[in-house]
Amino acid sequence: MHIILSDFDETSRFYPLTLSRPIAELRFGITTLKQKWRNLLNQGVFSYDTAEHLTPYFSKAPENSAAIVINATIVPSAELTEGILQLKAGQQLMWQSKCIAYVRPENFDGDRAHFEVIAFEGELIHLDHITDLFSKLDKVLIRDFDEAAMGTSVELHPTCMVIGKHPVYLSKDANAFATIFNTEEGPIYIGAGAKVMEGSILRGPLAIGDFSTVKMGAKIYGATSIGPHCKVGGELNNVSMFAYSNKGHEGFLGNSILGEWCNLGADTNTSNLKNDYGEVKLYDYSAGRFKATGLQFCGLIMGDHSKAGINTMFNTGTVVGFNANIFGAGYPRNFIPSFTWGGPQGMSDYRIDKAMETAERVLERRSIAFDDREKGLFVAVHELTTKSGF
């Protein structure tokens, strides 16, 4: 069976993170949404129904063949997966007014109005807003832990201390020395080959991805998810960090999301609470303006390949687009468009040829080729953001 993970025309609601990936490729918890679906369904050929500029770079969904179409904003569970696999052609699974999934027949004409509705009554976690990637992270991490922590954990070094009722799981070739693990509020997962250096204090629920490094004396509060091949240090609280990104030095990052290949220079700090304790507004790409989030705590949302120089200070509720390079004294503005170069003293366009040269050097340091696919995706995002003004 072909399985299509569909954005349901909501890709832009999760910009800047989905400027460079379909919704299903968002990392939410220990794994991406696609990885969760693949692990639970354990069958089928996967493809994406996503934004037009992304289609050439991700496996395109077939147009008319029979398929299970799944809403990519939904976090799968065993109960939900069972319900989807029981659907027949011409049926759709609904939760309240949200379509979770449907089975389309051969030569589907795109009209689901006549499909039979099957109600899902179980618990559902879904992405409704980009900030859900940190505000709902605790529930997802706890659910992910049971799936990821398979087999026997590597034994903790005797210099470590565990406080709390939930487990600490060290994967193969992971190590931690002289670390305090507090699991009172949730489990802690350390991925394969990851390193937790001495003096670190970690509170669950927390996941450290494969081959990532927690640097000496780091203080990390849950719920936090660090993707594979990252470096983290300083203080973090309720952060979702995608793969290959670094916040390796002192400074605070809270209630925030970093895409892939981001780097925060030493002593970069984010504000996650306004001085008047009021509701945080965030730039909304779909609306083209700032909109209320309903949150009191919200820090930084940063798209892929963006960088911040040393001592950068981000104000509460700052959104940084794809491949921006930020530096200079003072606070940058709360919305920084993609391919922007500069800071509080002024911004200019970040030439795409220079941006791609930097990206090539960055990937080369991790022994990854900046190939034609990556170059094409850069050009596609540049064309979209330049045309749209964001």
Protein backbone atom coordinates (compact mmCIF):
# COMPACT_ATOMS: atom_id res chain seq x y z
CA MET A 1 0.00 0.00 0.00
CA HIS A 2 1.19 3.49 -0.79
CA ILE A 3 1.18 5.86 2.19
CA ILE A 4 1.07 9.61 1.58
CA LEU A 5 1.99 11.97 4.39
CA SER A 6 0.07 15.08 3.43
CA ASP A 7 0.53 18.67 4.58
CA PHE A 8 -3.18 19.26 3.84
CA ASP A 9 -2.15 22.67 2.37
CA GLU A 10 -0.85 23.80 5.78
CA THR A 11 2.88 23.92 4.98
CA SER A 12 3.11 27.70 5.41
CA ARG A 13 1.66 27.52 8.93
CA PHE A 14 4.95 26.00 10.08
CA TYR A 15 7.35 28.35 8.29
CA PRO A 16 10.27 28.96 8.65
CA LEU A 17 10.88 25.29 9.56
CA THR A 18 8.86 23.97 6.61
CA LEU A 19 10.45 26.31 4.10
CA SER A 20 12.92 23.48 3.61
CA ARG A 21 10.97 20.31 4.48
CA PRO A 22 7.46 18.83 4.47
CA ILE A 23 5.58 18.82 7.77
CA ALA A 24 6.24 15.09 8.14
CA GLU A 25 9.99 15.78 8.31
CA LEU A 26 9.65 18.00 11.39
CA ARG A 27 11.46 16.55 14.39
CA PHE A 28 8.97 16.26 17.23
CA GLY A 29 10.41 14.42 20.20
CA ILE A 30 13.07 11.78 19.64
CA THR A 31 12.23 11.26 15.96
CA THR A 32 10.59 13.01 13.03
CA LEU A 33 6.88 12.60 12.41
CA LYS A 34 7.63 10.43 9.36
CA GLN A 35 9.88 8.14 11.40
CA LYS A 36 7.09 7.71 13.95
CA TRP A 37 4.61 6.71 11.25
CA ARG A 38 7.09 4.37 9.59
CA ASN A 39 7.90 2.66 12.90
CA LEU A 40 4.24 2.10 13.82
CA LEU A 41 2.82 1.22 10.41
CA ASN A 42 5.82 -0.98 9.58
CA GLN A 43 4.67 -1.34 5.97
CA GLY A 44 4.04 0.55 2.77
CA VAL A 45 5.88 2.94 0.45
CA PHE A 46 5.99 6.50 1.82
CA SER A 47 5.77 9.76 -0.09
CA TYR A 48 4.78 13.38 0.55
CA ASP A 49 2.05 15.73 -0.52
CA THR A 50 3.64 19.08 0.26
CA ALA A 51 4.29 22.60 -1.01
CA GLU A 52 5.09 23.02 -4.70
CA HIS A 53 8.62 24.34 -4.15
CA LEU A 54 9.52 21.27 -2.05
CA THR A 55 8.06 18.61 -4.34
CA PRO A 56 11.15 18.13 -6.57
CA TYR A 57 13.31 17.39 -3.51
CA PHE A 58 11.09 14.97 -1.62
CA SER A 59 9.38 11.81 -2.83
CA LYS A 60 6.28 13.03 -4.67
CA ALA A 61 2.93 11.41 -3.97
CA PRO A 62 1.29 9.63 -6.91
CA GLU A 63 -1.71 11.57 -8.19
CA ASN A 64 -4.42 8.98 -8.81
CA SER A 65 -3.43 5.59 -7.43
CA ALA A 66 -4.99 3.96 -4.39
CA ALA A 67 -3.33 5.11 -1.18
CA ILE A 68 -3.69 5.81 2.51
CA VAL A 69 -3.43 9.59 2.97
CA ILE A 70 -2.40 10.68 6.47
CA ASN A 71 -2.50 14.17 7.92
CA ALA A 72 1.18 14.89 8.63
CA THR A 73 0.40 17.14 11.61
CA ILE A 74 -0.83 14.12 13.59
CA VAL A 75 1.42 12.28 16.04
CA PRO A 76 0.77 8.55 15.63
CA SER A 77 -0.09 6.11 18.39
CA ALA A 78 -0.73 2.37 18.38
CA GLU A 79 -4.48 2.95 18.78
CA LEU A 80 -4.57 5.50 15.98
CA THR A 81 -2.52 3.33 13.63
CA GLU A 82 -4.88 0.41 14.18
CA GLY A 83 -7.83 2.63 13.30
CA ILE A 84 -6.18 3.81 10.09
CA LEU A 85 -5.29 0.30 8.95
CA GLN A 86 -8.94 -0.75 9.38
CA LEU A 87 -10.16 1.93 6.95
CA LYS A 88 -11.51 0.84 3.58
CA ALA A 89 -11.43 2.76 0.31
CA GLY A 90 -13.86 5.67 0.50
CA GLN A 91 -13.62 6.04 4.29
CA GLN A 92 -12.01 8.82 6.33
CA LEU A 93 -11.02 8.87 9.99
CA MET A 94 -12.03 12.09 11.76
CA TRP A 95 -11.28 13.60 15.16
CA GLN A 96 -13.78 16.35 15.83
CA SER A 97 -13.57 18.42 12.62
CA LYS A 98 -10.00 17.34 11.74
CA CYS A 99 -9.36 14.69 9.12
CA ILE A 100 -6.73 12.28 10.44
CA ALA A 101 -6.52 10.00 7.42
CA TYR A 102 -8.49 8.62 4.50
CA VAL A 103 -8.17 5.80 2.00
CA ARG A 104 -8.55 6.92 -1.58
CA PRO A 105 -9.51 4.53 -4.37
CA GLU A 106 -7.92 4.19 -7.80
CA ASN A 107 -8.48 7.24 -10.03
CA PHE A 108 -9.44 9.41 -7.05
CA ASP A 109 -10.91 12.74 -8.17
CA GLY A 110 -9.89 14.65 -5.03
CA ASP A 111 -13.40 15.02 -3.60
CA ARG A 112 -13.89 13.50 -0.13
CA ALA A 113 -17.37 14.94 0.40
CA HIS A 114 -19.01 11.56 -0.20
CA PHE A 115 -16.54 9.56 1.94
CA GLU A 116 -17.92 7.69 4.95
CA VAL A 117 -16.84 9.30 8.22
CA ILE A 118 -15.35 7.11 10.96
CA ALA A 119 -14.93 8.91 14.29
CA PHE A 120 -11.75 8.50 16.33
CA GLU A 121 -12.50 8.76 20.05
CA GLY A 122 -9.03 8.20 21.48
CA GLU A 123 -6.38 10.63 22.68
CA LEU A 124 -4.82 12.68 19.90
CA ILE A 125 -1.67 14.79 19.84
CA HIS A 126 -1.34 17.02 16.80
CA LEU A 127 0.51 20.10 15.64
CA ASP A 128 -1.84 23.05 15.48
CA HIS A 129 0.79 25.80 15.76
CA ILE A 130 4.55 25.91 15.31
CA THR A 131 5.01 26.52 19.04
CA ASP A 132 3.46 23.11 19.75
CA LEU A 133 6.89 21.71 18.90
CA PHE A 134 7.99 22.82 22.36
CA SER A 135 4.71 23.36 24.25
CA LYS A 136 3.49 19.77 23.61
CA LEU A 137 6.96 18.24 23.70
CA ASP A 138 6.60 16.69 27.16
CA LYS A 139 3.75 14.40 26.09
CA VAL A 140 5.53 13.35 22.89
CA LEU A 141 8.83 12.61 24.62
CA ILE A 142 7.17 10.40 27.22
CA ARG A 143 5.34 8.53 24.45
CA ASP A 144 8.53 8.23 22.35
CA PHE A 145 10.60 6.88 25.22
CA ASP A 146 8.89 3.50 25.34
CA GLU A 147 9.42 3.08 21.59
CA ALA A 148 13.06 4.20 21.57
CA ALA A 149 14.34 2.65 24.80
CA MET A 150 14.46 -0.91 23.51
CA GLY A 151 16.72 -3.51 25.07
CA THR A 152 18.99 -3.10 28.07
CA SER A 153 20.42 0.31 28.88
CA VAL A 154 24.18 0.80 29.10
CA GLU A 155 25.11 0.96 32.76
CA LEU A 156 25.66 4.46 34.11
CA HIS A 157 29.14 5.34 35.30
CA PRO A 158 29.39 5.34 39.13
CA THR A 159 30.19 9.07 39.12
CA CYS A 160 26.63 9.80 37.93
CA MET A 161 23.63 10.40 40.18
CA VAL A 162 19.97 9.66 39.37
CA ILE A 163 17.14 11.36 41.26
CA GLY A 164 13.54 10.47 40.48
CA LYS A 165 11.08 7.75 39.58
CA HIS A 166 11.50 7.58 35.78
CA PRO A 167 14.35 5.74 34.03
CA VAL A 168 17.53 6.97 32.38
CA TYR A 169 18.34 5.07 29.18
CA LEU A 170 21.82 5.08 27.66
CA SER A 171 21.98 3.64 24.15
CA LYS A 172 24.89 1.70 22.67
CA ASP A 173 28.25 3.52 22.86
CA ALA A 174 26.72 6.46 24.76
CA ASN A 175 28.48 7.67 27.87
CA ALA A 176 28.01 10.12 30.72
CA PHE A 177 30.37 11.07 33.53
CA ALA A 178 29.75 12.98 36.77
CA THR A 179 26.26 13.94 35.63
CA ILE A 180 23.12 14.55 37.71
CA PHE A 181 19.98 13.08 36.11
CA ASN A 182 16.64 14.24 37.60
CA THR A 183 13.77 12.10 36.30
CA GLU A 184 11.01 13.21 38.68
CA GLU A 185 8.96 14.69 35.81
CA GLY A 186 9.91 12.32 33.01
CA PRO A 187 12.46 9.89 31.56
CA ILE A 188 15.82 10.76 30.00
CA TYR A 189 16.99 9.16 26.75
CA ILE A 190 20.61 9.33 25.57
CA GLY A 191 21.05 8.21 21.96
CA ALA A 192 23.71 5.97 20.42
CA GLY A 193 27.21 7.41 20.55
CA ALA A 194 26.10 10.51 22.48
CA LYS A 195 28.33 12.05 25.14
CA VAL A 196 27.33 13.85 28.32
CA MET A 197 30.35 15.60 29.78
CA GLU A 198 31.09 15.98 33.46
CA GLY A 199 29.26 18.50 35.60
CA SER A 200 26.08 18.48 33.51
CA ILE A 201 22.66 18.60 35.18
CA LEU A 202 19.79 17.13 33.15
CA ARG A 203 16.08 17.08 33.97
CA GLY A 204 13.52 14.94 32.16
CA PRO A 205 11.63 14.51 30.03
CA LEU A 206 14.67 14.85 27.81
CA ALA A 207 16.17 13.25 24.72
CA ILE A 208 19.75 13.65 23.52
CA GLY A 209 20.06 12.44 19.92
CA ASP A 210 22.56 10.02 18.44
CA PHE A 211 26.18 11.27 18.39
CA SER A 212 25.31 14.56 20.09
CA THR A 213 27.43 16.13 22.80
CA VAL A 214 26.34 17.81 26.02
CA LYS A 215 29.26 19.99 27.01
CA MET A 216 30.72 20.40 30.51
CA GLY A 217 28.49 22.01 33.09
CA ALA A 218 25.42 22.23 30.87
CA LYS A 219 22.05 22.75 32.56
CA ILE A 220 19.13 21.34 30.56
CA TYR A 221 15.52 21.47 31.75
CA GLY A 222 12.79 19.31 30.26
CA ALA A 223 10.89 19.04 28.15
CA THR A 224 13.78 19.27 25.70
CA SER A 225 14.72 17.32 22.59
CA ILE A 226 18.20 17.57 21.06
CA GLY A 227 18.50 16.02 17.61
CA PRO A 228 21.36 13.89 16.26
CA HIS A 229 24.87 15.32 15.80
CA CYS A 230 24.27 18.46 17.90
CA LYS A 231 26.42 20.23 20.49
CA VAL A 232 24.77 21.90 23.46
CA GLY A 233 26.05 23.84 26.43
CA GLY A 234 24.99 26.61 28.81
CA GLU A 235 21.35 26.66 29.90
CA LEU A 236 18.39 25.28 27.93
CA ASN A 237 14.76 25.03 28.98
CA ASN A 238 11.99 23.46 26.88
CA VAL A 239 13.87 23.47 23.57
CA SER A 240 13.40 21.49 20.36
CA MET A 241 16.63 21.35 18.37
CA PHE A 242 16.81 19.60 15.02
CA ALA A 243 19.86 17.71 13.71
CA TYR A 244 23.36 19.14 13.17
CA SER A 245 22.76 22.35 15.14
CA ASN A 246 24.94 23.87 17.83
CA LYS A 247 24.45 25.90 20.96
CA GLY A 248 27.75 24.92 22.42
CA HIS A 249 28.53 27.75 24.82
CA GLU A 250 27.17 29.71 27.77
CA GLY A 251 23.92 31.61 27.33
CA PHE A 252 20.21 30.88 27.76
CA LEU A 253 17.84 29.32 25.22
CA GLY A 254 14.27 28.73 26.36
CA ASN A 255 10.90 27.78 24.84
CA SER A 256 12.55 27.74 21.45
CA ILE A 257 13.04 25.75 18.25
CA LEU A 258 16.20 25.55 16.13
CA GLY A 259 16.10 23.95 12.68
CA GLU A 260 18.98 22.00 11.15
CA TRP A 261 22.49 23.40 10.65
CA CYS A 262 21.93 26.36 12.98
CA ASN A 263 24.67 27.81 15.18
CA LEU A 264 24.41 30.16 18.15
CA GLY A 265 27.65 31.92 19.03
CA ALA A 266 29.05 32.13 22.55
CA ASP A 267 26.88 33.96 25.08
CA THR A 268 23.89 34.18 22.76
CA ASN A 269 20.77 34.68 24.89
CA THR A 270 17.06 34.54 24.22
CA SER A 271 14.30 36.17 26.19
CA ASN A 272 11.33 33.86 26.65
CA LEU A 273 9.22 36.10 28.91
CA LYS A 274 8.17 39.71 28.39
CA ASN A 275 8.93 42.23 31.14
CA ASP A 276 5.20 42.84 31.59
CA TYR A 277 4.52 39.06 31.68
CA GLY A 278 2.07 39.55 28.80
CA GLU A 279 1.09 37.25 25.96
CA VAL A 280 3.80 36.74 23.33
CA LYS A 281 3.13 37.61 19.70
CA LEU A 282 4.96 35.78 16.92
CA TYR A 283 5.34 36.55 13.23
CA ASP A 284 2.84 34.50 11.23
CA TYR A 285 3.92 33.84 7.63
CA SER A 286 0.43 32.96 6.45
CA ALA A 287 -1.06 36.19 7.81
CA GLY A 288 1.97 38.35 7.01
CA ARG A 289 1.89 39.96 10.44
CA PHE A 290 2.46 39.28 14.13
CA LYS A 291 -0.25 37.25 15.84
CA ALA A 292 -0.92 36.33 19.45
CA THR A 293 0.29 32.86 20.44
CA GLY A 294 -1.71 32.40 23.63
CA LEU A 295 1.64 31.75 25.36
CA GLN A 296 3.39 33.62 28.13
CA PHE A 297 6.69 31.87 27.40
CA CYS A 298 8.09 31.88 23.87
CA GLY A 299 11.69 32.49 22.80
CA LEU A 300 13.28 31.92 19.38
CA ILE A 301 12.09 30.12 16.25
CA MET A 302 15.02 29.74 13.81
CA GLY A 303 14.95 28.21 10.33
CA ASP A 304 17.58 25.90 8.85
CA HIS A 305 21.15 27.15 8.18
CA SER A 306 20.75 30.37 10.19
CA LYS A 307 23.54 31.59 12.42
CA ALA A 308 23.98 34.09 15.27
CA GLY A 309 27.32 35.66 16.23
CA ILE A 310 28.69 35.92 19.77
CA ASN A 311 26.67 37.90 22.32
CA THR A 312 23.55 38.04 20.14
CA MET A 313 20.47 38.98 22.19
CA PHE A 314 17.11 37.74 20.89
CA ASN A 315 13.96 39.38 22.16
CA THR A 316 10.88 37.46 23.28
CA GLY A 317 9.10 35.81 20.36
CA THR A 318 11.73 36.24 17.63
CA VAL A 319 11.37 34.45 14.28
CA VAL A 320 14.43 33.97 12.05
CA GLY A 321 13.99 32.63 8.53
CA PHE A 322 16.08 30.25 6.43
CA ASN A 323 19.81 30.97 6.12
CA ALA A 324 20.04 34.30 7.95
CA ASN A 325 23.37 35.49 9.37
CA ILE A 326 22.89 37.69 12.45
CA PHE A 327 25.53 39.65 14.34
CA GLY A 328 26.18 42.94 16.11
CA ALA A 329 25.41 44.66 19.41
CA GLY A 330 21.83 45.19 20.58
CA TYR A 331 18.58 43.38 19.90
CA PRO A 332 17.76 42.33 16.33
CA ARG A 333 14.15 42.88 15.31
CA ASN A 334 11.57 40.22 16.13
CA PHE A 335 11.24 39.02 12.55
CA ILE A 336 14.31 38.42 10.41
CA PRO A 337 13.57 37.32 6.84
CA SER A 338 15.38 34.49 5.09
CA PHE A 339 18.72 35.19 3.40
CA THR A 340 19.36 38.26 5.58
CA TRP A 341 22.80 39.46 6.64
CA GLY A 342 23.35 41.87 9.55
CA GLY A 343 21.83 42.89 12.85
CA PRO A 344 20.49 45.82 14.87
CA GLN A 345 22.76 48.26 12.99
CA GLY A 346 21.20 47.30 9.66
CA MET A 347 20.26 44.39 7.43
CA SER A 348 21.12 43.55 3.84
CA ASP A 349 20.48 40.66 1.47
CA TYR A 350 22.63 37.59 1.99
CA ARG A 351 23.73 36.73 -1.55
CA ILE A 352 22.76 33.19 -2.40
CA ASP A 353 26.17 32.34 -3.86
CA LYS A 354 27.85 33.39 -0.61
CA ALA A 355 25.20 31.59 1.45
CA MET A 356 25.78 28.39 -0.47
CA GLU A 357 29.56 28.68 -0.08
CA THR A 358 29.09 28.86 3.69
CA ALA A 359 26.66 25.94 3.71
CA GLU A 360 29.12 23.85 1.72
CA ARG A 361 31.88 24.54 4.25
CA VAL A 362 29.57 23.77 7.17
CA LEU A 363 28.45 20.43 5.73
CA GLU A 364 32.00 19.52 4.75
CA ARG A 365 33.07 19.78 8.42
CA ARG A 366 30.60 16.95 9.12
CA SER A 367 31.77 14.94 6.07
CA ILE A 368 28.49 15.56 4.24
CA ALA A 369 28.39 16.66 0.61
CA PHE A 370 26.53 19.83 -0.35
CA ASP A 371 25.17 18.05 -3.41
CA ASP A 372 22.91 19.08 -6.29
CA ARG A 373 19.80 18.28 -4.28
CA GLU A 374 20.87 20.60 -1.45
CA LYS A 375 21.83 23.31 -3.92
CA GLY A 376 18.51 23.00 -5.70
CA LEU A 377 16.61 23.24 -2.42
CA PHE A 378 18.56 26.39 -1.49
CA VAL A 379 17.63 27.97 -4.82
CA ALA A 380 13.96 26.96 -4.44
CA VAL A 381 13.71 28.47 -0.94
CA HIS A 382 15.55 31.61 -2.09
CA GLU A 383 13.17 32.09 -5.02
CA LEU A 384 10.10 31.58 -2.83
CA THR A 385 11.22 33.85 -0.01
CA THR A 386 12.50 36.59 -2.33
CA LYS A 387 9.24 36.61 -4.26
CA SER A 388 7.12 36.57 -1.10
CA GLY A 389 9.21 39.06 0.87
CA PHE A 390 9.94 36.76 3.81
